[in-house]
Amino acid sequence: MPSVREHLRNGSIVRAHWRNPAGSSKQVGLLIMFGLAIFVFGSKPMGGAAPVEQVPGPQSTVYPIKWPGWDKPVVVPTPTVSYPIVFPSPSSGQ
C-alpha cells in the first residue's frame, strides 16, 4: 500500500495517509470474503465430525466440619413489615 505524505491541495492541508493501489478493490473484497468464510466455517464443527463430549459438571463436596447445633438450626424471627413497630411501655413514657 502506498503511503501518501502530507501535502497542500487547493489551499487545504491533506494529512498523511495510506491509500490502496489503483485496481486493488477487487482483491481487497476477495480477501475480506475469504477471511469471513474462514471465520464462519472454522468456528463450527462440520457434519462428519465425531460428537463432542460433554464437559463434566462440578461434583458435590462434603463439608467435613460439624459445628454445635448443626443438625438442629434455630429459627430466627424476621419482621414481616419494613417499618418499625413501637410498642408503648411504662418505662419509656410513650
PDB file of N, CA and C in Angstrom:
ATOM      1  N   MET A   1       0.841  -1.174   0.000  1.00  0.00           N
ATOM      2  CA  MET A   1       0.000   0.000   0.000  1.00  0.00           C
ATOM      3  C   MET A   1       0.885   1.235   0.000  1.00  0.00           C
ATOM      4  N   PRO A   2       0.621   2.109  -0.907  1.00  0.00           N
ATOM      5  CA  PRO A   2       1.438   3.316  -0.936  1.00  0.00           C
ATOM      6  C   PRO A   2       1.051   4.279   0.179  1.00  0.00           C
ATOM      7  N   SER A   3       2.050   4.964   0.661  1.00  0.00           N
ATOM      8  CA  SER A   3       1.850   5.971   1.697  1.00  0.00           C
ATOM      9  C   SER A   3       1.826   7.339   1.031  1.00  0.00           C
ATOM     10  N   VAL A   4       0.814   8.139   1.349  1.00  0.00           N
ATOM     11  CA  VAL A   4       0.706   9.489   0.805  1.00  0.00           C
ATOM     12  C   VAL A   4       1.152  10.445   1.897  1.00  0.00           C
ATOM     13  N   ARG A   5       2.171  11.244   1.594  1.00  0.00           N
ATOM     14  CA  ARG A   5       2.683  12.192   2.584  1.00  0.00           C
ATOM     15  C   ARG A   5       1.758  13.392   2.704  1.00  0.00           C
ATOM     16  N   GLU A   6       1.927  14.145   3.779  1.00  0.00           N
ATOM     17  CA  GLU A   6       1.140  15.357   3.976  1.00  0.00           C
ATOM     18  C   GLU A   6       1.502  16.360   2.883  1.00  0.00           C
ATOM     19  N   HIS A   7       0.468  16.988   2.279  1.00  0.00           N
ATOM     20  CA  HIS A   7       0.721  17.947   1.211  1.00  0.00           C
ATOM     21  C   HIS A   7      -0.384  19.004   1.188  1.00  0.00           C
ATOM     22  N   LEU A   8      -0.185  20.012   0.363  1.00  0.00           N
ATOM     23  CA  LEU A   8      -1.136  21.108   0.227  1.00  0.00           C
ATOM     24  C   LEU A   8      -1.910  20.917  -1.069  1.00  0.00           C
ATOM     25  N   ARG A   9      -3.260  20.912  -0.992  1.00  0.00           N
ATOM     26  CA  ARG A   9      -4.074  20.711  -2.187  1.00  0.00           C
ATOM     27  C   ARG A   9      -5.199  21.739  -2.179  1.00  0.00           C
ATOM     28  N   ASN A  10      -5.230  22.593  -3.181  1.00  0.00           N
ATOM     29  CA  ASN A  10      -6.239  23.648  -3.316  1.00  0.00           C
ATOM     30  C   ASN A  10      -6.335  24.511  -2.058  1.00  0.00           C
ATOM     31  N   GLY A  11      -5.212  24.785  -1.465  1.00  0.00           N
ATOM     32  CA  GLY A  11      -5.170  25.628  -0.280  1.00  0.00           C
ATOM     33  C   GLY A  11      -5.478  24.907   1.020  1.00  0.00           C
ATOM     34  N   SER A  12      -5.736  23.604   0.977  1.00  0.00           N
ATOM     35  CA  SER A  12      -6.020  22.823   2.183  1.00  0.00           C
ATOM     36  C   SER A  12      -4.884  21.848   2.435  1.00  0.00           C
ATOM     37  N   ILE A  13      -4.571  21.661   3.703  1.00  0.00           N
ATOM     38  CA  ILE A  13      -3.534  20.690   4.052  1.00  0.00           C
ATOM     39  C   ILE A  13      -4.178  19.308   4.116  1.00  0.00           C
ATOM     40  N   VAL A  14      -3.597  18.362   3.382  1.00  0.00           N
ATOM     41  CA  VAL A  14      -4.069  16.980   3.379  1.00  0.00           C
ATOM     42  C   VAL A  14      -3.141  16.185   4.282  1.00  0.00           C
ATOM     43  N   ARG A  15      -3.714  15.499   5.280  1.00  0.00           N
ATOM     44  CA  ARG A  15      -2.895  14.727   6.213  1.00  0.00           C
ATOM     45  C   ARG A  15      -2.282  13.518   5.523  1.00  0.00           C
ATOM     46  N   ALA A  16      -1.216  12.998   6.104  1.00  0.00           N
ATOM     47  CA  ALA A  16      -0.585  11.784   5.586  1.00  0.00           C
ATOM     48  C   ALA A  16      -1.528  10.604   5.811  1.00  0.00           C
ATOM     49  N   HIS A  17      -1.606   9.697   4.833  1.00  0.00           N
ATOM     50  CA  HIS A  17      -2.499   8.555   4.947  1.00  0.00           C
ATOM     51  C   HIS A  17      -2.017   7.430   4.047  1.00  0.00           C
ATOM     52  N   TRP A  18      -2.646   6.252   4.218  1.00  0.00           N
ATOM     53  CA  TRP A  18      -2.374   5.103   3.361  1.00  0.00           C
ATOM     54  C   TRP A  18      -3.476   5.032   2.313  1.00  0.00           C
ATOM     55  N   ARG A  19      -3.120   4.607   1.105  1.00  0.00           N
ATOM     56  CA  ARG A  19      -4.087   4.527   0.021  1.00  0.00           C
ATOM     57  C   ARG A  19      -3.918   3.195  -0.693  1.00  0.00           C
ATOM     58  N   ASN A  20      -5.033   2.576  -1.067  1.00  0.00           N
ATOM     59  CA  ASN A  20      -4.963   1.340  -1.839  1.00  0.00           C
ATOM     60  C   ASN A  20      -4.471   1.654  -3.245  1.00  0.00           C
ATOM     61  N   PRO A  21      -3.670   0.781  -3.816  1.00  0.00           N
ATOM     62  CA  PRO A  21      -3.245   0.994  -5.198  1.00  0.00           C
ATOM     63  C   PRO A  21      -4.443   0.917  -6.150  1.00  0.00           C
ATOM     64  N   ALA A  22      -4.313   1.511  -7.313  1.00  0.00           N
ATOM     65  CA  ALA A  22      -5.389   1.502  -8.301  1.00  0.00           C
ATOM     66  C   ALA A  22      -5.690   0.068  -8.719  1.00  0.00           C
ATOM     67  N   GLY A  23      -6.974  -0.286  -8.773  1.00  0.00           N
ATOM     68  CA  GLY A  23      -7.381  -1.618  -9.206  1.00  0.00           C
ATOM     69  C   GLY A  23      -7.321  -2.681  -8.129  1.00  0.00           C
ATOM     70  N   SER A  24      -7.082  -2.313  -6.890  1.00  0.00           N
ATOM     71  CA  SER A  24      -6.950  -3.332  -5.846  1.00  0.00           C
ATOM     72  C   SER A  24      -8.251  -3.585  -5.089  1.00  0.00           C
ATOM     73  N   SER A  25      -9.323  -2.901  -5.449  1.00  0.00           N
ATOM     74  CA  SER A  25     -10.566  -3.073  -4.692  1.00  0.00           C
ATOM     75  C   SER A  25     -11.114  -4.492  -4.836  1.00  0.00           C
ATOM     76  N   LYS A  26     -10.938  -5.117  -5.991  1.00  0.00           N
ATOM     77  CA  LYS A  26     -11.413  -6.486  -6.179  1.00  0.00           C
ATOM     78  C   LYS A  26     -10.641  -7.447  -5.284  1.00  0.00           C
ATOM     79  N   GLN A  27      -9.317  -7.271  -5.213  1.00  0.00           N
ATOM     80  CA  GLN A  27      -8.502  -8.148  -4.382  1.00  0.00           C
ATOM     81  C   GLN A  27      -8.824  -7.964  -2.897  1.00  0.00           C
ATOM     82  N   VAL A  28      -9.057  -6.728  -2.491  1.00  0.00           N
ATOM     83  CA  VAL A  28      -9.396  -6.468  -1.089  1.00  0.00           C
ATOM     84  C   VAL A  28     -10.749  -7.095  -0.761  1.00  0.00           C
ATOM     85  N   GLY A  29     -11.702  -6.993  -1.670  1.00  0.00           N
ATOM     86  CA  GLY A  29     -13.007  -7.619  -1.457  1.00  0.00           C
ATOM     87  C   GLY A  29     -12.901  -9.130  -1.350  1.00  0.00           C
ATOM     88  N   LEU A  30     -12.089  -9.739  -2.222  1.00  0.00           N
ATOM     89  CA  LEU A  30     -11.893 -11.185  -2.149  1.00  0.00           C
ATOM     90  C   LEU A  30     -11.211 -11.594  -0.849  1.00  0.00           C
ATOM     91  N   LEU A  31     -10.259 -10.798  -0.397  1.00  0.00           N
ATOM     92  CA  LEU A  31      -9.565 -11.090   0.855  1.00  0.00           C
ATOM     93  C   LEU A  31     -10.538 -11.031   2.038  1.00  0.00           C
ATOM     94  N   ILE A  32     -11.408 -10.044   2.052  1.00  0.00           N
ATOM     95  CA  ILE A  32     -12.396  -9.925   3.129  1.00  0.00           C
ATOM     96  C   ILE A  32     -13.364 -11.105   3.091  1.00  0.00           C
ATOM     97  N   MET A  33     -13.829 -11.482   1.904  1.00  0.00           N
ATOM     98  CA  MET A  33     -14.749 -12.615   1.789  1.00  0.00           C
ATOM     99  C   MET A  33     -14.073 -13.920   2.212  1.00  0.00           C
ATOM    100  N   PHE A  34     -12.808 -14.098   1.848  1.00  0.00           N
ATOM    101  CA  PHE A  34     -12.065 -15.294   2.231  1.00  0.00           C
ATOM    102  C   PHE A  34     -11.909 -15.352   3.751  1.00  0.00           C
ATOM    103  N   GLY A  35     -11.552 -14.233   4.363  1.00  0.00           N
ATOM    104  CA  GLY A  35     -11.411 -14.187   5.822  1.00  0.00           C
ATOM    105  C   GLY A  35     -12.730 -14.452   6.524  1.00  0.00           C
ATOM    106  N   LEU A  36     -13.824 -13.915   5.995  1.00  0.00           N
ATOM    107  CA  LEU A  36     -15.142 -14.142   6.572  1.00  0.00           C
ATOM    108  C   LEU A  36     -15.541 -15.614   6.446  1.00  0.00           C
ATOM    109  N   ALA A  37     -15.237 -16.239   5.308  1.00  0.00           N
ATOM    110  CA  ALA A  37     -15.560 -17.655   5.116  1.00  0.00           C
ATOM    111  C   ALA A  37     -14.773 -18.525   6.091  1.00  0.00           C
ATOM    112  N   ILE A  38     -13.511 -18.198   6.316  1.00  0.00           N
ATOM    113  CA  ILE A  38     -12.708 -18.963   7.278  1.00  0.00           C
ATOM    114  C   ILE A  38     -13.298 -18.818   8.676  1.00  0.00           C
ATOM    115  N   PHE A  39     -13.725 -17.618   9.029  1.00  0.00           N
ATOM    116  CA  PHE A  39     -14.304 -17.390  10.356  1.00  0.00           C
ATOM    117  C   PHE A  39     -15.603 -18.171  10.527  1.00  0.00           C
ATOM    118  N   VAL A  40     -16.480 -18.126   9.521  1.00  0.00           N
ATOM    119  CA  VAL A  40     -17.785 -18.785   9.633  1.00  0.00           C
ATOM    120  C   VAL A  40     -17.635 -20.295   9.634  1.00  0.00           C
ATOM    121  N   PHE A  41     -16.873 -20.844   8.690  1.00  0.00           N
ATOM    122  CA  PHE A  41     -16.763 -22.290   8.589  1.00  0.00           C
ATOM    123  C   PHE A  41     -15.765 -22.871   9.579  1.00  0.00           C
ATOM    124  N   GLY A  42     -14.874 -22.078  10.087  1.00  0.00           N
ATOM    125  CA  GLY A  42     -13.893 -22.586  11.039  1.00  0.00           C
ATOM    126  C   GLY A  42     -14.371 -22.577  12.467  1.00  0.00           C
ATOM    127  N   SER A  43     -15.477 -21.894  12.760  1.00  0.00           N
ATOM    128  CA  SER A  43     -15.929 -21.799  14.139  1.00  0.00           C
ATOM    129  C   SER A  43     -16.992 -22.834  14.495  1.00  0.00           C
ATOM    130  N   LYS A  44     -17.455 -23.635  13.538  1.00  0.00           N
ATOM    131  CA  LYS A  44     -18.478 -24.641  13.806  1.00  0.00           C
ATOM    132  C   LYS A  44     -17.926 -26.022  13.473  1.00  0.00           C
ATOM    133  N   PRO A  45     -18.334 -27.046  14.219  1.00  0.00           N
ATOM    134  CA  PRO A  45     -17.933 -28.392  13.822  1.00  0.00           C
ATOM    135  C   PRO A  45     -18.690 -28.812  12.562  1.00  0.00           C
ATOM    136  N   MET A  46     -18.019 -29.506  11.683  1.00  0.00           N
ATOM    137  CA  MET A  46     -18.643 -29.955  10.443  1.00  0.00           C
ATOM    138  C   MET A  46     -19.520 -31.172  10.724  1.00  0.00           C
ATOM    139  N   GLY A  47     -20.400 -31.524   9.784  1.00  0.00           N
ATOM    140  CA  GLY A  47     -21.351 -32.611   9.991  1.00  0.00           C
ATOM    141  C   GLY A  47     -20.711 -33.973  10.137  1.00  0.00           C
ATOM    142  N   GLY A  48     -19.562 -34.235   9.523  1.00  0.00           N
ATOM    143  CA  GLY A  48     -18.946 -35.549   9.574  1.00  0.00           C
ATOM    144  C   GLY A  48     -18.055 -35.762  10.775  1.00  0.00           C
ATOM    145  N   ALA A  49     -17.911 -34.800  11.622  1.00  0.00           N
ATOM    146  CA  ALA A  49     -17.020 -34.928  12.773  1.00  0.00           C
ATOM    147  C   ALA A  49     -17.676 -35.773  13.859  1.00  0.00           C
ATOM    148  N   ALA A  50     -16.846 -36.327  14.721  1.00  0.00           N
ATOM    149  CA  ALA A  50     -17.340 -37.112  15.850  1.00  0.00           C
ATOM    150  C   ALA A  50     -18.067 -36.190  16.827  1.00  0.00           C
ATOM    151  N   PRO A  51     -19.052 -36.710  17.545  1.00  0.00           N
ATOM    152  CA  PRO A  51     -19.765 -35.854  18.500  1.00  0.00           C
ATOM    153  C   PRO A  51     -18.827 -35.364  19.607  1.00  0.00           C
ATOM    154  N   VAL A  52     -19.077 -34.155  20.028  1.00  0.00           N
ATOM    155  CA  VAL A  52     -18.243 -33.549  21.062  1.00  0.00           C
ATOM    156  C   VAL A  52     -18.687 -34.078  22.417  1.00  0.00           C
ATOM    157  N   GLU A  53     -17.719 -34.500  23.243  1.00  0.00           N
ATOM    158  CA  GLU A  53     -18.054 -34.994  24.575  1.00  0.00           C
ATOM    159  C   GLU A  53     -18.448 -33.837  25.471  1.00  0.00           C
ATOM    160  N   GLN A  54     -19.402 -34.091  26.343  1.00  0.00           N
ATOM    161  CA  GLN A  54     -19.847 -33.070  27.275  1.00  0.00           C
ATOM    162  C   GLN A  54     -18.823 -32.923  28.398  1.00  0.00           C
ATOM    163  N   VAL A  55     -18.593 -31.697  28.795  1.00  0.00           N
ATOM    164  CA  VAL A  55     -17.684 -31.430  29.900  1.00  0.00           C
ATOM    165  C   VAL A  55     -18.408 -31.790  31.193  1.00  0.00           C
ATOM    166  N   PRO A  56     -17.764 -32.548  32.081  1.00  0.00           N
ATOM    167  CA  PRO A  56     -18.457 -32.921  33.314  1.00  0.00           C
ATOM    168  C   PRO A  56     -18.727 -31.704  34.189  1.00  0.00           C
ATOM    169  N   GLY A  57     -19.853 -31.725  34.863  1.00  0.00           N
ATOM    170  CA  GLY A  57     -20.222 -30.624  35.750  1.00  0.00           C
ATOM    171  C   GLY A  57     -19.493 -30.725  37.075  1.00  0.00           C
ATOM    172  N   PRO A  58     -19.664 -29.744  37.932  1.00  0.00           N
ATOM    173  CA  PRO A  58     -18.990 -29.777  39.225  1.00  0.00           C
ATOM    174  C   PRO A  58     -19.555 -30.888  40.117  1.00  0.00           C
ATOM    175  N   GLN A  59     -18.691 -31.517  40.878  1.00  0.00           N
ATOM    176  CA  GLN A  59     -19.089 -32.582  41.785  1.00  0.00           C
ATOM    177  C   GLN A  59     -19.499 -31.990  43.128  1.00  0.00           C
ATOM    178  N   SER A  60     -20.387 -32.692  43.837  1.00  0.00           N
ATOM    179  CA  SER A  60     -20.782 -32.215  45.158  1.00  0.00           C
ATOM    180  C   SER A  60     -19.627 -32.439  46.132  1.00  0.00           C
ATOM    181  N   THR A  61     -19.474 -31.509  47.043  1.00  0.00           N
ATOM    182  CA  THR A  61     -18.388 -31.567  48.007  1.00  0.00           C
ATOM    183  C   THR A  61     -18.971 -31.815  49.393  1.00  0.00           C
ATOM    184  N   VAL A  62     -18.332 -32.705  50.144  1.00  0.00           N
ATOM    185  CA  VAL A  62     -18.759 -32.981  51.511  1.00  0.00           C
ATOM    186  C   VAL A  62     -17.975 -32.063  52.428  1.00  0.00           C
ATOM    187  N   TYR A  63     -18.700 -31.329  53.258  1.00  0.00           N
ATOM    188  CA  TYR A  63     -18.049 -30.410  54.178  1.00  0.00           C
ATOM    189  C   TYR A  63     -17.708 -31.192  55.443  1.00  0.00           C
ATOM    190  N   PRO A  64     -16.439 -31.355  55.782  1.00  0.00           N
ATOM    191  CA  PRO A  64     -16.059 -32.266  56.872  1.00  0.00           C
ATOM    192  C   PRO A  64     -16.248 -31.709  58.281  1.00  0.00           C
ATOM    193  N   ILE A  65     -16.468 -30.431  58.457  1.00  0.00           N
ATOM    194  CA  ILE A  65     -16.531 -29.855  59.795  1.00  0.00           C
ATOM    195  C   ILE A  65     -17.981 -29.846  60.269  1.00  0.00           C
ATOM    196  N   LYS A  66     -18.204 -30.275  61.515  1.00  0.00           N
ATOM    197  CA  LYS A  66     -19.526 -30.230  62.130  1.00  0.00           C
ATOM    198  C   LYS A  66     -19.482 -29.240  63.279  1.00  0.00           C
ATOM    199  N   TRP A  67     -20.409 -28.303  63.298  1.00  0.00           N
ATOM    200  CA  TRP A  67     -20.492 -27.305  64.360  1.00  0.00           C
ATOM    201  C   TRP A  67     -21.572 -27.707  65.350  1.00  0.00           C
ATOM    202  N   PRO A  68     -21.498 -27.191  66.603  1.00  0.00           N
ATOM    203  CA  PRO A  68     -22.561 -27.494  67.569  1.00  0.00           C
ATOM    204  C   PRO A  68     -23.900 -26.958  67.056  1.00  0.00           C
ATOM    205  N   GLY A  69     -24.929 -27.759  67.167  1.00  0.00           N
ATOM    206  CA  GLY A  69     -26.243 -27.358  66.697  1.00  0.00           C
ATOM    207  C   GLY A  69     -26.399 -27.443  65.189  1.00  0.00           C
ATOM    208  N   TRP A  70     -25.513 -28.155  64.522  1.00  0.00           N
ATOM    209  CA  TRP A  70     -25.537 -28.272  63.060  1.00  0.00           C
ATOM    210  C   TRP A  70     -26.834 -28.940  62.591  1.00  0.00           C
ATOM    211  N   ASP A  71     -27.250 -29.979  63.313  1.00  0.00           N
ATOM    212  CA  ASP A  71     -28.421 -30.746  62.892  1.00  0.00           C
ATOM    213  C   ASP A  71     -29.736 -30.096  63.302  1.00  0.00           C
ATOM    214  N   LYS A  72     -29.719 -29.191  64.295  1.00  0.00           N
ATOM    215  CA  LYS A  72     -30.941 -28.536  64.766  1.00  0.00           C
ATOM    216  C   LYS A  72     -30.779 -27.025  64.644  1.00  0.00           C
ATOM    217  N   PRO A  73     -31.002 -26.442  63.484  1.00  0.00           N
ATOM    218  CA  PRO A  73     -30.851 -24.991  63.355  1.00  0.00           C
ATOM    219  C   PRO A  73     -31.943 -24.257  64.124  1.00  0.00           C
ATOM    220  N   VAL A  74     -31.590 -23.098  64.661  1.00  0.00           N
ATOM    221  CA  VAL A  74     -32.515 -22.281  65.433  1.00  0.00           C
ATOM    222  C   VAL A  74     -33.248 -21.349  64.478  1.00  0.00           C
ATOM    223  N   VAL A  75     -34.561 -21.283  64.633  1.00  0.00           N
ATOM    224  CA  VAL A  75     -35.364 -20.406  63.791  1.00  0.00           C
ATOM    225  C   VAL A  75     -35.231 -18.988  64.326  1.00  0.00           C
ATOM    226  N   VAL A  76     -34.810 -18.061  63.489  1.00  0.00           N
ATOM    227  CA  VAL A  76     -34.646 -16.667  63.872  1.00  0.00           C
ATOM    228  C   VAL A  76     -35.861 -15.900  63.367  1.00  0.00           C
ATOM    229  N   PRO A  77     -36.564 -15.175  64.259  1.00  0.00           N
ATOM    230  CA  PRO A  77     -37.732 -14.432  63.790  1.00  0.00           C
ATOM    231  C   PRO A  77     -37.320 -13.274  62.888  1.00  0.00           C
ATOM    232  N   THR A  78     -38.103 -13.045  61.864  1.00  0.00           N
ATOM    233  CA  THR A  78     -37.842 -11.935  60.954  1.00  0.00           C
ATOM    234  C   THR A  78     -39.082 -11.063  60.898  1.00  0.00           C
ATOM    235  N   PRO A  79     -38.911  -9.756  60.790  1.00  0.00           N
ATOM    236  CA  PRO A  79     -40.080  -8.881  60.728  1.00  0.00           C
ATOM    237  C   PRO A  79     -40.835  -9.076  59.416  1.00  0.00           C
ATOM    238  N   THR A  80     -42.148  -8.901  59.475  1.00  0.00           N
ATOM    239  CA  THR A  80     -42.960  -9.065  58.271  1.00  0.00           C
ATOM    240  C   THR A  80     -43.278  -7.731  57.615  1.00  0.00           C
ATOM    241  N   VAL A  81     -42.902  -6.613  58.277  1.00  0.00           N
ATOM    242  CA  VAL A  81     -43.127  -5.294  57.701  1.00  0.00           C
ATOM    243  C   VAL A  81     -41.794  -4.570  57.619  1.00  0.00           C
ATOM    244  N   SER A  82     -41.732  -3.570  56.747  1.00  0.00           N
ATOM    245  CA  SER A  82     -40.473  -2.861  56.553  1.00  0.00           C
ATOM    246  C   SER A  82     -40.321  -1.653  57.460  1.00  0.00           C
ATOM    247  N   TYR A  83     -41.367  -1.285  58.209  1.00  0.00           N
ATOM    248  CA  TYR A  83     -41.282  -0.122  59.089  1.00  0.00           C
ATOM    249  C   TYR A  83     -41.221  -0.603  60.545  1.00  0.00           C
ATOM    250  N   PRO A  84     -40.607   0.165  61.423  1.00  0.00           N
ATOM    251  CA  PRO A  84     -40.511  -0.277  62.819  1.00  0.00           C
ATOM    252  C   PRO A  84     -41.852  -0.128  63.542  1.00  0.00           C
ATOM    253  N   ILE A  85     -42.142  -1.073  64.391  1.00  0.00           N
ATOM    254  CA  ILE A  85     -43.350  -1.017  65.212  1.00  0.00           C
ATOM    255  C   ILE A  85     -42.903  -0.737  66.643  1.00  0.00           C
ATOM    256  N   VAL A  86     -43.383   0.368  67.206  1.00  0.00           N
ATOM    257  CA  VAL A  86     -43.014   0.748  68.564  1.00  0.00           C
ATOM    258  C   VAL A  86     -44.192   0.434  69.478  1.00  0.00           C
ATOM    259  N   PHE A  87     -43.935  -0.394  70.478  1.00  0.00           N
ATOM    260  CA  PHE A  87     -44.966  -0.731  71.452  1.00  0.00           C
ATOM    261  C   PHE A  87     -44.791   0.175  72.663  1.00  0.00           C
ATOM    262  N   PRO A  88     -45.876   0.753  73.165  1.00  0.00           N
ATOM    263  CA  PRO A  88     -45.749   1.609  74.350  1.00  0.00           C
ATOM    264  C   PRO A  88     -45.373   0.782  75.577  1.00  0.00           C
ATOM    265  N   SER A  89     -44.478   1.335  76.343  1.00  0.00           N
ATOM    266  CA  SER A  89     -44.068   0.663  77.571  1.00  0.00           C
ATOM    267  C   SER A  89     -44.071   1.679  78.702  1.00  0.00           C
ATOM    268  N   PRO A  90     -44.306   1.233  79.937  1.00  0.00           N
ATOM    269  CA  PRO A  90     -44.364   2.181  81.042  1.00  0.00           C
ATOM    270  C   PRO A  90     -43.013   2.849  81.314  1.00  0.00           C
ATOM    271  N   SER A  91     -41.910   2.214  80.967  1.00  0.00           N
ATOM    272  CA  SER A  91     -40.605   2.810  81.276  1.00  0.00           C
ATOM    273  C   SER A  91     -40.213   3.902  80.281  1.00  0.00           C
ATOM    274  N   SER A  92     -40.673   3.821  79.043  1.00  0.00           N
ATOM    275  CA  SER A  92     -40.273   4.826  78.056  1.00  0.00           C
ATOM    276  C   SER A  92     -41.173   6.046  78.074  1.00  0.00           C
ATOM    277  N   GLY A  93     -42.348   5.968  78.647  1.00  0.00           N
ATOM    278  CA  GLY A  93     -43.240   7.105  78.742  1.00  0.00           C
ATOM    279  C   GLY A  93     -44.081   7.329  77.505  1.00  0.00           C
ATOM    280  N   GLN A  94     -44.142   6.419  76.640  1.00  0.00           N
ATOM    281  CA  GLN A  94     -44.943   6.598  75.430  1.00  0.00           C
ATOM    282  C   GLN A  94     -46.279   5.938  75.547  1.00  0.00           C
TER     283      GLN A  94
END
